[in-house]
Amino acid sequence: MLKNLNQYHDYVNQTLNLQKIIGLDGKNGILVELRTIKDNIQNKLYAIDNKPLNFLFLEMRLLEKDFSNTLDIKIVKRLLTLISAFNKLLKIGNIPISHKENLQLYIAEYHDKVSQLMNKIIEIQSYIANSTLQFQRIFPNLQKSQHHISELITSIETKFHEQLQISKFQTIAIFTIAFIILAFFILLQVKNAQFLVQRLRRLTDCMHHIGSGEFNKIANLPQGNDEIGTLANTFEEMACQIKSQITIIEQEKSEKLLLNILPPPIAKRLKRREELIADRFEHATVLFCDIVNFTNLSANVTPEELVQNLNGIFTLFDGLTSSYHLEKIKTIGDAYMIVGGVPNPCDDHAERVANVGLKMIKLVQNFSQEKGLPFSIRVGIHSGAVVAGVIGVTKFAYDLWGDTVNTASRMESHGKPNKVHCSESVYKLLKRKFSFEKRGFIQIKGKGEMKTYFLKDKTLTTINR
C-alpha cells in the first residue's frame, strides 16, 4: 500500500509540473508563448485588413479555446486543418511580400505551439488516469487492513478464553483496552479513506464542470496543504482564467461578426446605441454586377457546385472590393452591389469603382477558364447622391436608397456581357482618366432615354461627344 501511495504522490506531482509547463498560472509556459504569437499574427492581420484571413484566424482562436476546455483531439485536427487553409489562403492572397513572410513565420510557430500544447495535455490525462488507478489500488488495501484487524480481534478473543483462569478482571481490562485501540484504528482508517474519496470526487466534479463550461457550478473545492488541495487551487485558477478568456473571445467574436455585417464607422455608432443611423452622401458611385444567364447555368450543376462556384466568384470580388477600400453593400442571388464614397467620403470614389468594375470582368474570365464553365458578367455604374442607413433590429443591414441606386441597377440590366456600362455622370467624372466607348441614347426602363457609355480602360484618351 505504501508503494501505491508513493506512486500516487509522484503522478500528482507530475501533473502539477506539466501544468506549469503549459502555463496555467498565466505567468509563463506554452499558453503565454501562444498568446504572444497570436498577438503578432493579429497585428499583421490588422495591418493588411484582409477579412477572409481575419475571419479564419478568429475561428482558429475559438477552436484553440474549445480544445483547452474539452481536451478533444478532434478539435486539434480541425485546428491544424484551419492552419493549413490559412497558409493556402495566405499564399494566394494579394498581400505585400513583407507581411506575407512574417505571417508565414508566425503561423508556423503557432502550429508548433498548438502541437506542443496537445502533447502536454495528453500527458496530463495519462497522469490523472494513473493517479486514479493508484488510488483505486490503495482503497482495497485499506479493506484488507480491516480484515487483518478482524482476525486479530478473533485471536485476542481466543487467548482471552484460554487465560480466563489467570485473572478474570485483568483479562477483561486488557481485552477492553485492546478492543478500544483497534476500534479507534479501524474508525480512523475508514474516516481517512472516506474523506480522501470525498475530496477526490469533488475535484473530479470540478474538472467535469470546467470541461463542459459550467463555471457557475464550480464550488466546494477541496482545501488543504496537501497535493489534492494544491491541485484544487490550480484548477480554480485555471477555471477563472478560462472563463475570463472565453468572455474576451465572445466579445471579440461579436465585434468581428458586427464588422462583417456593417462598416466599422457604422458599427461603432451602433455600439454607442444610436437609435437611428441615416446619412445623406452627395457624392457617391454605386456598382451593380450580375452573372449573365445564371439561371440556365445553375440548372446544369448540383446545388453544391452552384454554391461553390458562386462563393468562389464573390470571394474574389470581396478581396477586390477590400483592396480598393470600397464598401460591399449586399448580394442578391447572383447580383453583387458595392459603393464608393460611403460611409467614408472620398474624392476618387468613381475612379476606384471603375477600376474594380474592369478587374471584376478579368477575374471572372480567368475563373471561367479555370472551371471550364461559360461564366460572364454585366457591370453597371452610376454616380450621384444616396441615402445610407441601418435597418433591422435582430438582423442588421446597411443599405442604400435613392435614384442613384436605381440608375446603377438599370445600367447593369441594360448592359452587355463583359462590359462596364456607365451613365453620363460617370463619364463626366472620369473622361480625363479612362477611355470610353460611346453607346449613345438608349431607352432605360423607368428613366426614359439616357446617354450612356462603355468603360474601356484607364488611359488619357477621351471621346468625341
Protein backbone atom coordinates (compact mmCIF):
# COMPACT_ATOMS: atom_id res chain seq x y z
CA MET A 1 0.00 0.00 0.00
CA LEU A 2 2.93 2.34 0.78
CA LYS A 3 4.30 1.74 -2.74
CA ASN A 4 0.92 2.69 -4.26
CA LEU A 5 0.78 5.85 -2.14
CA ASN A 6 4.26 6.87 -3.33
CA GLN A 7 3.26 6.27 -6.96
CA TYR A 8 0.06 8.28 -6.45
CA HIS A 9 2.14 11.12 -4.98
CA ASP A 10 4.53 11.03 -7.96
CA TYR A 11 1.68 11.17 -10.51
CA VAL A 12 0.12 14.19 -8.80
CA ASN A 13 3.49 15.99 -8.76
CA GLN A 14 3.99 15.19 -12.47
CA THR A 15 0.54 16.66 -13.20
CA LEU A 16 1.39 19.88 -11.33
CA ASN A 17 4.73 20.18 -13.16
CA LEU A 18 3.01 19.78 -16.56
CA GLN A 19 0.51 22.48 -15.62
CA LYS A 20 3.43 24.86 -15.01
CA ILE A 21 4.95 23.92 -18.40
CA ILE A 22 1.61 24.58 -20.10
CA GLY A 23 1.36 27.91 -18.28
CA LEU A 24 -1.98 27.61 -16.49
CA ASP A 25 -0.72 30.17 -13.94
CA GLY A 26 -0.71 32.79 -16.73
CA LYS A 27 2.88 33.84 -15.95
CA ASN A 28 4.90 31.69 -18.33
CA GLY A 29 4.71 28.49 -20.36
CA ILE A 30 3.23 27.38 -23.67
CA LEU A 31 -0.02 29.36 -23.27
CA VAL A 32 1.88 32.61 -22.69
CA GLU A 33 4.09 31.97 -25.74
CA LEU A 34 0.99 31.10 -27.77
CA ARG A 35 -0.68 34.33 -26.71
CA THR A 36 2.35 36.36 -27.87
CA ILE A 37 2.35 34.61 -31.26
CA LYS A 38 -1.42 35.19 -31.64
CA ASP A 39 -0.93 38.91 -30.89
CA ASN A 40 1.79 39.11 -33.56
CA ILE A 41 -0.48 37.41 -36.10
CA GLN A 42 -3.42 39.63 -35.16
CA ASN A 43 -1.32 42.81 -35.53
CA LYS A 44 -0.22 41.74 -39.01
CA LEU A 45 -3.80 40.91 -39.98
CA TYR A 46 -4.95 44.36 -38.83
CA ALA A 47 -2.18 45.89 -40.96
CA ILE A 48 -3.28 44.15 -44.19
CA ASP A 49 -7.04 44.36 -43.47
CA ASN A 50 -7.87 41.02 -45.12
CA LYS A 51 -11.37 39.96 -43.98
CA PRO A 52 -11.15 36.27 -45.09
CA LEU A 53 -7.87 35.81 -43.19
CA ASN A 54 -9.24 37.68 -40.15
CA PHE A 55 -12.36 35.53 -40.03
CA LEU A 56 -10.35 32.29 -40.46
CA PHE A 57 -7.92 33.30 -37.70
CA LEU A 58 -10.82 34.11 -35.36
CA GLU A 59 -12.23 30.61 -35.92
CA MET A 60 -8.76 29.15 -35.19
CA ARG A 61 -8.61 31.02 -31.87
CA LEU A 62 -12.08 29.82 -30.86
CA LEU A 63 -11.16 26.22 -31.71
CA GLU A 64 -7.99 26.52 -29.63
CA LYS A 65 -10.01 27.64 -26.60
CA ASP A 66 -12.54 24.84 -27.15
CA PHE A 67 -9.65 22.36 -27.18
CA SER A 68 -8.22 23.72 -23.90
CA ASN A 69 -11.65 23.28 -22.28
CA THR A 70 -12.65 19.87 -23.64
CA LEU A 71 -9.27 18.20 -24.46
CA ASP A 72 -10.90 16.80 -27.61
CA ILE A 73 -8.29 15.61 -30.14
CA LYS A 74 -10.81 16.09 -32.98
CA ILE A 75 -10.78 19.82 -32.30
CA VAL A 76 -6.97 19.86 -32.65
CA LYS A 77 -7.21 18.09 -36.01
CA ARG A 78 -9.75 20.70 -37.12
CA LEU A 79 -7.46 23.47 -35.84
CA LEU A 80 -4.50 22.06 -37.79
CA THR A 81 -6.72 21.87 -40.89
CA LEU A 82 -7.63 25.56 -40.47
CA ILE A 83 -3.94 26.42 -40.06
CA SER A 84 -3.26 24.64 -43.37
CA ALA A 85 -6.17 26.52 -45.00
CA PHE A 86 -4.81 29.79 -43.57
CA ASN A 87 -1.42 29.06 -45.19
CA LYS A 88 -3.05 28.33 -48.55
CA LEU A 89 -5.15 31.49 -48.42
CA LEU A 90 -2.03 33.40 -47.40
CA LYS A 91 -0.14 32.13 -50.45
CA ILE A 92 -2.82 33.04 -53.00
CA GLY A 93 -3.94 36.28 -51.36
CA ASN A 94 -2.97 39.73 -52.61
CA ILE A 95 -0.74 40.54 -49.62
CA PRO A 96 2.54 42.55 -49.55
CA ILE A 97 5.52 40.19 -49.50
CA SER A 98 6.93 41.53 -46.20
CA HIS A 99 3.61 40.95 -44.38
CA LYS A 100 3.20 37.56 -46.05
CA GLU A 101 6.65 36.32 -44.95
CA ASN A 102 6.08 37.47 -41.36
CA LEU A 103 2.65 35.85 -41.25
CA GLN A 104 4.04 32.57 -42.63
CA LEU A 105 6.72 32.58 -39.91
CA TYR A 106 4.22 33.36 -37.13
CA ILE A 107 1.67 30.76 -38.30
CA ALA A 108 4.43 28.10 -38.36
CA GLU A 109 5.30 28.96 -34.73
CA TYR A 110 1.59 28.92 -33.89
CA HIS A 111 1.30 25.40 -35.39
CA ASP A 112 4.27 24.15 -33.32
CA LYS A 113 2.93 25.58 -30.05
CA VAL A 114 -0.55 24.11 -30.60
CA SER A 115 1.06 20.70 -31.20
CA GLN A 116 3.13 21.04 -28.00
CA LEU A 117 0.03 22.04 -26.04
CA MET A 118 -1.82 18.98 -27.34
CA ASN A 119 1.02 16.64 -26.30
CA LYS A 120 1.27 18.10 -22.79
CA ILE A 121 -2.49 17.84 -22.17
CA ILE A 122 -2.41 14.21 -23.34
CA GLU A 123 0.34 13.61 -20.74
CA ILE A 124 -1.80 15.26 -18.04
CA GLN A 125 -4.72 12.99 -18.94
CA SER A 126 -2.39 10.00 -18.62
CA TYR A 127 -1.10 11.07 -15.19
CA ILE A 128 -4.62 11.76 -13.88
CA ALA A 129 -5.74 8.33 -15.08
CA ASN A 130 -2.72 6.67 -13.42
CA SER A 131 -3.22 8.54 -10.13
CA THR A 132 -6.88 7.46 -10.10
CA LEU A 133 -5.79 3.85 -10.71
CA GLN A 134 -3.29 4.01 -7.82
CA PHE A 135 -5.96 5.36 -5.53
CA GLN A 136 -8.28 2.53 -6.51
CA ARG A 137 -5.49 0.16 -5.53
CA ILE A 138 -4.97 1.92 -2.17
CA PHE A 139 -8.61 1.59 -1.12
CA PRO A 140 -8.75 -2.26 -1.35
CA ASN A 141 -5.56 -2.33 0.78
CA LEU A 142 -7.43 -0.42 3.46
CA GLN A 143 -10.17 -3.04 3.29
CA LYS A 144 -7.54 -5.77 3.65
CA SER A 145 -6.20 -3.96 6.73
CA GLN A 146 -9.69 -4.06 8.24
CA HIS A 147 -9.83 -7.81 7.55
CA HIS A 148 -6.48 -8.36 9.29
CA ILE A 149 -7.70 -6.34 12.25
CA SER A 150 -10.82 -8.52 12.47
CA GLU A 151 -8.62 -11.62 12.52
CA LEU A 152 -6.50 -10.05 15.24
CA ILE A 153 -9.60 -9.40 17.35
CA THR A 154 -10.64 -13.03 16.91
CA SER A 155 -7.16 -14.16 18.03
CA ILE A 156 -7.35 -11.92 21.09
CA GLU A 157 -10.76 -13.36 22.00
CA THR A 158 -9.34 -16.90 21.78
CA LYS A 159 -6.42 -16.03 24.03
CA PHE A 160 -8.83 -14.36 26.37
CA HIS A 161 -10.80 -17.58 26.83
CA GLU A 162 -7.58 -19.59 27.27
CA GLN A 163 -6.33 -17.36 30.02
CA LEU A 164 -9.62 -16.75 31.72
CA GLN A 165 -8.45 -18.67 34.82
CA ILE A 166 -5.49 -16.30 35.37
CA SER A 167 -7.46 -13.23 36.13
CA LYS A 168 -10.96 -12.53 35.04
CA PHE A 169 -10.91 -8.83 35.73
CA GLN A 170 -7.39 -8.36 34.38
CA THR A 171 -8.25 -10.13 31.15
CA ILE A 172 -11.44 -8.14 30.72
CA ALA A 173 -9.48 -4.92 31.14
CA ILE A 174 -6.83 -5.98 28.63
CA PHE A 175 -9.45 -7.07 26.12
CA THR A 176 -11.40 -3.83 26.54
CA ILE A 177 -8.33 -1.66 26.02
CA ALA A 178 -7.23 -3.69 23.00
CA PHE A 179 -10.71 -3.54 21.51
CA ILE A 180 -10.92 0.23 22.00
CA ILE A 181 -7.49 0.75 20.41
CA LEU A 182 -8.32 -1.49 17.46
CA ALA A 183 -11.76 0.04 17.01
CA PHE A 184 -10.21 3.50 17.04
CA PHE A 185 -7.63 2.42 14.46
CA ILE A 186 -10.34 0.99 12.20
CA LEU A 187 -12.50 4.08 12.53
CA LEU A 188 -9.54 6.35 11.82
CA GLN A 189 -8.60 4.40 8.67
CA VAL A 190 -12.18 4.35 7.37
CA LYS A 191 -12.69 8.04 8.08
CA ASN A 192 -9.45 8.97 6.33
CA ALA A 193 -10.39 6.85 3.32
CA GLN A 194 -13.88 8.33 3.14
CA PHE A 195 -12.51 11.88 3.47
CA LEU A 196 -9.97 11.22 0.70
CA VAL A 197 -12.65 9.77 -1.59
CA GLN A 198 -14.94 12.75 -0.97
CA ARG A 199 -12.16 15.24 -1.81
CA LEU A 200 -11.24 13.38 -5.00
CA ARG A 201 -14.89 13.22 -6.06
CA ARG A 202 -15.31 16.95 -5.52
CA LEU A 203 -12.15 17.58 -7.53
CA THR A 204 -13.41 15.27 -10.31
CA ASP A 205 -16.76 17.11 -10.40
CA CYS A 206 -14.85 20.37 -10.72
CA MET A 207 -12.91 19.03 -13.71
CA HIS A 208 -16.14 17.91 -15.42
CA HIS A 209 -17.72 21.35 -14.89
CA ILE A 210 -14.63 23.08 -16.33
CA GLY A 211 -14.64 20.75 -19.33
CA SER A 212 -18.33 21.43 -20.05
CA GLY A 213 -18.01 25.18 -19.48
CA GLU A 214 -20.35 25.18 -16.44
CA PHE A 215 -18.22 27.59 -14.39
CA ASN A 216 -21.16 28.63 -12.18
CA LYS A 217 -21.34 25.08 -10.78
CA ILE A 218 -17.73 25.07 -9.51
CA ALA A 219 -17.97 25.23 -5.71
CA ASN A 220 -16.81 23.48 -2.53
CA LEU A 221 -13.40 22.64 -3.90
CA PRO A 222 -11.24 20.54 -1.53
CA GLN A 223 -8.97 22.67 0.65
CA GLY A 224 -5.68 21.80 2.30
CA ASN A 225 -1.91 21.98 2.04
CA ASP A 226 -1.50 18.51 0.53
CA GLU A 227 -1.30 17.58 -3.16
CA ILE A 228 -5.09 17.45 -3.58
CA GLY A 229 -5.51 20.91 -2.07
CA THR A 230 -2.76 22.32 -4.31
CA LEU A 231 -4.32 20.68 -7.36
CA ALA A 232 -7.74 22.08 -6.43
CA ASN A 233 -6.30 25.61 -6.14
CA THR A 234 -4.65 25.23 -9.54
CA PHE A 235 -7.91 24.08 -11.14
CA GLU A 236 -9.76 27.01 -9.58
CA GLU A 237 -7.22 29.47 -11.02
CA MET A 238 -7.42 27.70 -14.38
CA ALA A 239 -11.23 27.94 -14.35
CA CYS A 240 -11.07 31.69 -13.67
CA GLN A 241 -8.55 32.21 -16.48
CA ILE A 242 -10.55 30.15 -18.96
CA LYS A 243 -13.78 31.93 -18.03
CA SER A 244 -12.10 35.32 -18.47
CA GLN A 245 -10.60 34.31 -21.82
CA ILE A 246 -13.93 32.94 -23.06
CA THR A 247 -15.60 36.25 -22.17
CA ILE A 248 -12.93 38.17 -24.11
CA ILE A 249 -13.23 35.81 -27.08
CA GLU A 250 -17.03 36.12 -27.13
CA GLN A 251 -16.70 39.92 -27.16
CA GLU A 252 -14.14 39.74 -29.98
CA LYS A 253 -16.36 37.32 -31.87
CA SER A 254 -19.38 39.62 -31.53
CA GLU A 255 -17.34 42.59 -32.75
CA LYS A 256 -15.93 40.62 -35.70
CA LEU A 257 -19.40 39.45 -36.71
CA LEU A 258 -20.70 43.01 -36.45
CA LEU A 259 -17.83 44.25 -38.64
CA ASN A 260 -18.63 41.55 -41.21
CA ILE A 261 -22.17 42.94 -41.43
CA LEU A 262 -21.58 46.67 -41.04
CA PRO A 263 -18.79 49.12 -41.97
CA PRO A 264 -16.51 49.92 -38.99
CA PRO A 265 -17.71 53.54 -38.53
CA ILE A 266 -21.35 52.39 -38.57
CA ALA A 267 -20.61 49.51 -36.18
CA LYS A 268 -19.07 51.99 -33.70
CA ARG A 269 -22.16 54.21 -33.88
CA LEU A 270 -24.40 51.20 -33.33
CA LYS A 271 -22.35 50.15 -30.28
CA ARG A 272 -22.91 53.67 -28.93
CA ARG A 273 -26.61 52.76 -29.13
CA GLU A 274 -27.65 55.36 -31.71
CA GLU A 275 -31.32 54.63 -32.30
CA LEU A 276 -31.45 55.82 -35.91
CA ILE A 277 -28.48 55.73 -38.27
CA ALA A 278 -29.20 57.51 -41.56
CA ASP A 279 -26.91 59.77 -43.63
CA ARG A 280 -27.04 61.51 -46.98
CA PHE A 281 -23.98 61.46 -49.23
CA GLU A 282 -24.00 63.94 -52.10
CA HIS A 283 -21.12 62.31 -53.98
CA ALA A 284 -21.01 58.52 -54.30
CA THR A 285 -20.66 55.86 -57.01
CA VAL A 286 -22.74 52.68 -56.99
CA LEU A 287 -21.85 49.47 -58.87
CA PHE A 288 -24.10 46.52 -59.66
CA CYS A 289 -22.73 43.27 -61.10
CA ASP A 290 -24.78 40.32 -62.32
CA ILE A 291 -23.81 36.91 -63.75
CA VAL A 292 -25.16 36.53 -67.29
CA ASN A 293 -27.59 33.63 -67.89
CA PHE A 294 -27.06 32.40 -64.34
CA THR A 295 -30.46 30.68 -64.12
CA ASN A 296 -29.69 28.40 -67.08
CA LEU A 297 -26.16 27.72 -65.81
CA SER A 298 -27.46 26.73 -62.37
CA ALA A 299 -29.88 24.21 -63.88
CA ASN A 300 -26.99 22.12 -65.21
CA VAL A 301 -24.98 21.71 -61.96
CA THR A 302 -25.63 20.27 -58.50
CA PRO A 303 -26.61 22.61 -55.62
CA GLU A 304 -23.17 22.07 -54.07
CA GLU A 305 -21.38 23.04 -57.28
CA LEU A 306 -23.69 26.05 -57.72
CA VAL A 307 -22.93 27.45 -54.25
CA GLN A 308 -19.23 26.60 -54.57
CA ASN A 309 -18.87 28.45 -57.89
CA LEU A 310 -20.88 31.45 -56.73
CA ASN A 311 -18.90 31.63 -53.50
CA GLY A 312 -15.65 31.41 -55.48
CA ILE A 313 -16.58 34.37 -57.65
CA PHE A 314 -17.93 36.50 -54.79
CA THR A 315 -14.86 35.75 -52.64
CA LEU A 316 -12.70 37.18 -55.43
CA PHE A 317 -14.98 40.22 -55.55
CA ASP A 318 -14.70 40.66 -51.75
CA GLY A 319 -10.92 40.76 -51.93
CA LEU A 320 -11.01 43.23 -54.82
CA THR A 321 -13.51 45.49 -53.06
CA SER A 322 -11.45 45.48 -49.86
CA SER A 323 -8.21 46.28 -51.70
CA TYR A 324 -9.77 49.46 -53.16
CA HIS A 325 -11.34 50.43 -49.77
CA LEU A 326 -14.88 50.27 -51.11
CA GLU A 327 -17.93 49.07 -49.23
CA LYS A 328 -19.78 45.88 -50.14
CA ILE A 329 -23.47 46.51 -49.53
CA LYS A 330 -25.05 43.13 -50.28
CA THR A 331 -25.53 40.21 -52.62
CA ILE A 332 -28.95 39.35 -54.02
CA GLY A 333 -28.96 35.94 -55.67
CA ASP A 334 -26.22 36.20 -58.30
CA ALA A 335 -26.06 40.03 -58.10
CA TYR A 336 -23.30 41.90 -56.24
CA MET A 337 -23.55 45.53 -55.08
CA ILE A 338 -20.79 47.89 -53.87
CA VAL A 339 -20.42 51.63 -53.29
CA GLY A 340 -17.58 54.14 -53.23
CA GLY A 341 -17.60 57.27 -51.05
CA VAL A 342 -19.88 55.70 -48.43
CA PRO A 343 -19.67 55.68 -45.42
CA ASN A 344 -16.23 57.32 -45.75
CA PRO A 345 -16.42 60.18 -48.29
CA CYS A 346 -13.56 60.45 -50.79
CA ASP A 347 -12.86 62.44 -53.94
CA ASP A 348 -11.84 59.45 -56.12
CA HIS A 349 -14.90 57.25 -55.44
CA ALA A 350 -15.79 56.97 -59.14
CA GLU A 351 -12.21 56.07 -60.14
CA ARG A 352 -11.98 53.32 -57.52
CA VAL A 353 -15.32 51.80 -58.53
CA ALA A 354 -14.38 51.95 -62.22
CA ASN A 355 -11.12 50.08 -61.57
CA VAL A 356 -13.00 47.42 -59.63
CA GLY A 357 -15.56 47.03 -62.43
CA LEU A 358 -12.86 46.40 -65.05
CA LYS A 359 -10.97 43.96 -62.80
CA MET A 360 -14.18 42.08 -61.97
CA ILE A 361 -14.54 41.17 -65.63
CA LYS A 362 -10.94 39.90 -65.83
CA LEU A 363 -11.33 37.87 -62.63
CA VAL A 364 -14.49 36.16 -63.91
CA GLN A 365 -12.88 35.42 -67.27
CA ASN A 366 -9.94 33.72 -65.51
CA PHE A 367 -12.31 31.85 -63.18
CA SER A 368 -14.37 30.68 -66.17
CA GLN A 369 -11.27 29.28 -67.91
CA GLU A 370 -10.18 27.56 -64.70
CA LYS A 371 -13.53 25.85 -64.12
CA GLY A 372 -14.35 25.21 -67.78
CA LEU A 373 -17.72 26.93 -67.38
CA PRO A 374 -19.10 29.80 -69.55
CA PHE A 375 -19.30 32.49 -66.85
CA SER A 376 -19.61 36.14 -67.88
CA ILE A 377 -20.91 39.25 -66.09
CA ARG A 378 -22.61 42.58 -66.74
CA VAL A 379 -21.46 45.60 -64.74
CA GLY A 380 -23.35 48.88 -64.31
CA ILE A 381 -22.10 52.11 -62.66
CA HIS A 382 -23.75 55.42 -61.81
CA SER A 383 -22.63 58.39 -59.67
CA GLY A 384 -24.79 60.70 -57.64
CA ALA A 385 -26.36 61.29 -54.23
CA VAL A 386 -27.52 58.42 -52.00
CA VAL A 387 -29.08 57.91 -48.58
CA ALA A 388 -27.39 55.24 -46.42
CA GLY A 389 -28.53 53.76 -43.13
CA VAL A 390 -29.06 50.74 -40.90
CA ILE A 391 -32.34 48.87 -40.88
CA GLY A 392 -33.46 45.94 -38.78
CA VAL A 393 -33.50 45.13 -35.06
CA THR A 394 -32.38 41.49 -34.75
CA LYS A 395 -30.61 41.25 -38.12
CA PHE A 396 -28.88 44.48 -39.05
CA ALA A 397 -28.35 45.56 -42.65
CA TYR A 398 -26.52 48.60 -44.01
CA ASP A 399 -28.27 49.63 -47.23
CA LEU A 400 -28.55 52.44 -49.80
CA TRP A 401 -31.58 54.22 -51.26
CA GLY A 402 -32.24 56.80 -53.90
CA ASP A 403 -32.35 57.40 -57.63
CA THR A 404 -28.58 56.79 -57.94
CA VAL A 405 -29.07 53.19 -56.75
CA ASN A 406 -31.94 52.61 -59.19
CA THR A 407 -29.99 54.09 -62.10
CA ALA A 408 -26.89 51.97 -61.36
CA SER A 409 -29.11 48.88 -61.34
CA ARG A 410 -30.59 49.91 -64.71
CA MET A 411 -27.07 50.41 -66.12
CA GLU A 412 -26.31 46.80 -65.22
CA SER A 413 -29.56 45.29 -66.53
CA HIS A 414 -29.33 47.22 -69.85
CA GLY A 415 -25.62 46.48 -70.27
CA LYS A 416 -23.80 43.80 -72.27
CA PRO A 417 -21.76 40.75 -71.20
CA ASN A 418 -18.18 41.55 -70.09
CA LYS A 419 -18.82 45.29 -70.39
CA VAL A 420 -18.89 48.08 -67.80
CA HIS A 421 -21.97 50.16 -68.66
CA CYS A 422 -21.80 53.75 -67.33
CA SER A 423 -24.10 56.72 -67.11
CA GLU A 424 -23.14 60.17 -68.36
CA SER A 425 -22.44 61.32 -64.79
CA VAL A 426 -19.69 58.67 -64.51
CA TYR A 427 -18.31 59.66 -67.91
CA LYS A 428 -18.04 63.32 -66.86
CA LEU A 429 -16.13 62.37 -63.70
CA LEU A 430 -13.68 60.01 -65.43
CA LYS A 431 -13.35 61.18 -69.03
CA ARG A 432 -9.83 62.51 -68.42
CA LYS A 433 -8.64 59.31 -66.73
CA PHE A 434 -10.32 56.49 -68.69
CA SER A 435 -11.18 55.74 -72.29
CA PHE A 436 -14.86 55.21 -73.11
CA GLU A 437 -16.91 53.80 -75.97
CA LYS A 438 -19.93 55.97 -76.72
CA ARG A 439 -23.11 53.94 -76.79
CA GLY A 440 -25.47 56.84 -77.45
CA PHE A 441 -29.04 57.34 -76.32
CA ILE A 442 -30.93 54.21 -75.26
CA GLN A 443 -34.32 53.65 -73.69
CA ILE A 444 -33.92 52.86 -69.97
CA LYS A 445 -36.80 51.29 -68.08
CA GLY A 446 -38.32 53.79 -65.66
CA LYS A 447 -35.91 56.55 -66.78
CA GLY A 448 -36.64 57.21 -70.45
CA GLU A 449 -33.84 58.00 -72.88
CA MET A 450 -30.36 58.23 -71.39
CA LYS A 451 -26.95 58.83 -72.91
CA THR A 452 -24.64 56.00 -71.82
CA TYR A 453 -21.09 54.75 -72.36
CA PHE A 454 -18.99 51.61 -72.06
CA LEU A 455 -15.88 51.96 -69.89
CA LYS A 456 -12.84 50.57 -71.74
CA ASP A 457 -9.57 51.17 -69.94
CA LYS A 458 -7.62 53.59 -67.77
CA THR A 459 -5.94 55.92 -70.23
CA LEU A 460 -5.79 59.61 -71.05
CA THR A 461 -7.92 59.10 -74.17
CA THR A 462 -11.23 60.93 -74.50
CA ILE A 463 -14.02 60.53 -76.98
CA ASN A 464 -15.89 62.97 -79.18
CA ARG A 465 -19.35 63.73 -78.00
